[in-house]
Amino acid sequence: MAYRGAVLTDHDAPGVTATLAALLRSPVGFIGVMGSRRHVAHYVEELRAMGFDDEDLARIHSPLGLDIGGRRPEEIALSIAAGIVADANGRDGGWMDR
């Protein structure tokens, strides 16, 4: 079976909480939201009020991607893709030689 994930690229879009709730109820393997913890915090609180617990909320990755220091759009996309691949393989994305 293919690994499936979802990334929300606009933390200010309408319906983010409802979308996250639907994803948390699904078997999707990766849930990510672009933006800082500060930008996503109110969604987490809304989801908590809806009955989602810490284990559920831990499935949401934000900030998103591996810390590779990228700032350009293509570098950010690479860090997100690498994070999804690492997650799909049960890894944290750290250096292999350390």
Protein backbone atom coordinates (compact mmCIF):
# COMPACT_ATOMS: atom_id res chain seq x y z
CA MET A 1 0.00 0.00 0.00
CA ALA A 2 1.25 3.49 -0.84
CA TYR A 3 2.19 5.85 1.95
CA ARG A 4 -0.20 8.78 2.04
CA GLY A 5 0.20 12.20 3.54
CA ALA A 6 -1.28 15.67 3.44
CA VAL A 7 0.35 19.07 3.72
CA LEU A 8 -1.63 22.25 4.25
CA THR A 9 0.35 25.06 2.68
CA ASP A 10 -1.78 28.00 3.89
CA HIS A 11 -2.30 28.13 7.64
CA ASP A 12 -4.67 31.11 7.14
CA ALA A 13 -6.99 29.36 4.68
CA PRO A 14 -10.63 28.89 5.67
CA GLY A 15 -11.51 25.49 7.09
CA VAL A 16 -8.07 24.51 8.39
CA THR A 17 -9.46 23.15 11.67
CA ALA A 18 -12.12 21.09 9.90
CA THR A 19 -9.57 19.76 7.42
CA LEU A 20 -7.15 18.81 10.20
CA ALA A 21 -9.97 17.10 12.12
CA ALA A 22 -10.89 15.04 9.04
CA LEU A 23 -7.23 14.09 8.50
CA LEU A 24 -6.82 13.10 12.14
CA ARG A 25 -9.84 10.81 11.81
CA SER A 26 -8.34 9.21 8.71
CA PRO A 27 -5.56 6.65 8.38
CA VAL A 28 -3.33 9.15 6.51
CA GLY A 29 0.28 8.66 7.58
CA PHE A 30 1.57 12.24 7.51
CA ILE A 31 -0.17 15.50 8.38
CA GLY A 32 1.73 18.74 8.02
CA VAL A 33 0.90 22.43 8.25
CA MET A 34 3.25 25.11 6.94
CA GLY A 35 3.85 27.90 9.41
CA SER A 36 5.28 28.41 12.85
CA ARG A 37 4.00 26.84 16.05
CA ARG A 38 2.53 30.26 16.87
CA HIS A 39 0.47 30.26 13.66
CA VAL A 40 -0.82 26.73 14.23
CA ALA A 41 -1.39 26.92 18.01
CA HIS A 42 -5.01 28.10 17.81
CA TYR A 43 -5.90 25.19 15.51
CA VAL A 44 -4.40 22.79 18.03
CA GLU A 45 -6.51 24.33 20.80
CA GLU A 46 -9.66 24.12 18.66
CA LEU A 47 -8.90 20.46 17.90
CA ARG A 48 -8.31 19.79 21.60
CA ALA A 49 -11.73 21.33 22.34
CA MET A 50 -13.20 18.94 19.75
CA GLY A 51 -11.87 16.00 21.79
CA PHE A 52 -8.54 15.23 20.13
CA ASP A 53 -5.87 14.21 22.64
CA ASP A 54 -2.10 14.72 22.77
CA GLU A 55 -1.46 11.49 20.83
CA ASP A 56 -3.76 12.64 18.03
CA LEU A 57 -2.27 16.13 17.93
CA ALA A 58 1.28 14.76 17.85
CA ARG A 59 0.50 13.52 14.33
CA ILE A 60 0.46 17.12 13.08
CA HIS A 61 3.89 18.30 11.96
CA SER A 62 4.43 22.05 12.24
CA PRO A 63 6.78 23.71 11.60
CA LEU A 64 7.14 21.49 8.62
CA GLY A 65 10.16 19.82 7.06
CA LEU A 66 13.67 18.90 8.09
CA ASP A 67 16.02 21.58 9.39
CA ILE A 68 18.37 21.90 6.42
CA GLY A 69 18.65 25.68 6.67
CA GLY A 70 16.88 26.34 3.39
CA ARG A 71 15.18 29.67 2.74
CA ARG A 72 14.37 29.55 -0.98
CA PRO A 73 11.08 27.93 -2.08
CA GLU A 74 12.82 24.97 -3.70
CA GLU A 75 14.88 24.35 -0.54
CA ILE A 76 11.76 24.50 1.63
CA ALA A 77 10.01 22.05 -0.72
CA LEU A 78 13.01 19.72 -0.50
CA SER A 79 13.00 19.85 3.31
CA ILE A 80 9.27 19.03 3.39
CA ALA A 81 9.64 16.16 0.90
CA ALA A 82 12.62 14.79 2.84
CA GLY A 83 10.62 14.96 6.07
CA ILE A 84 7.74 13.02 4.52
CA VAL A 85 10.13 10.36 3.21
CA ALA A 86 11.82 10.09 6.63
CA ASP A 87 8.43 9.77 8.34
CA ALA A 88 7.27 7.13 5.87
CA ASN A 89 10.34 5.10 6.75
CA GLY A 90 10.08 5.60 10.52
CA ARG A 91 13.14 7.86 10.67
CA ASP A 92 13.82 11.29 12.13
CA GLY A 93 15.86 12.51 9.16
CA GLY A 94 19.17 12.92 10.97
CA TRP A 95 22.62 12.40 9.49
CA MET A 96 23.52 8.77 8.86
CA ASP A 97 27.14 9.25 9.98
CA ARG A 98 26.24 10.51 13.46
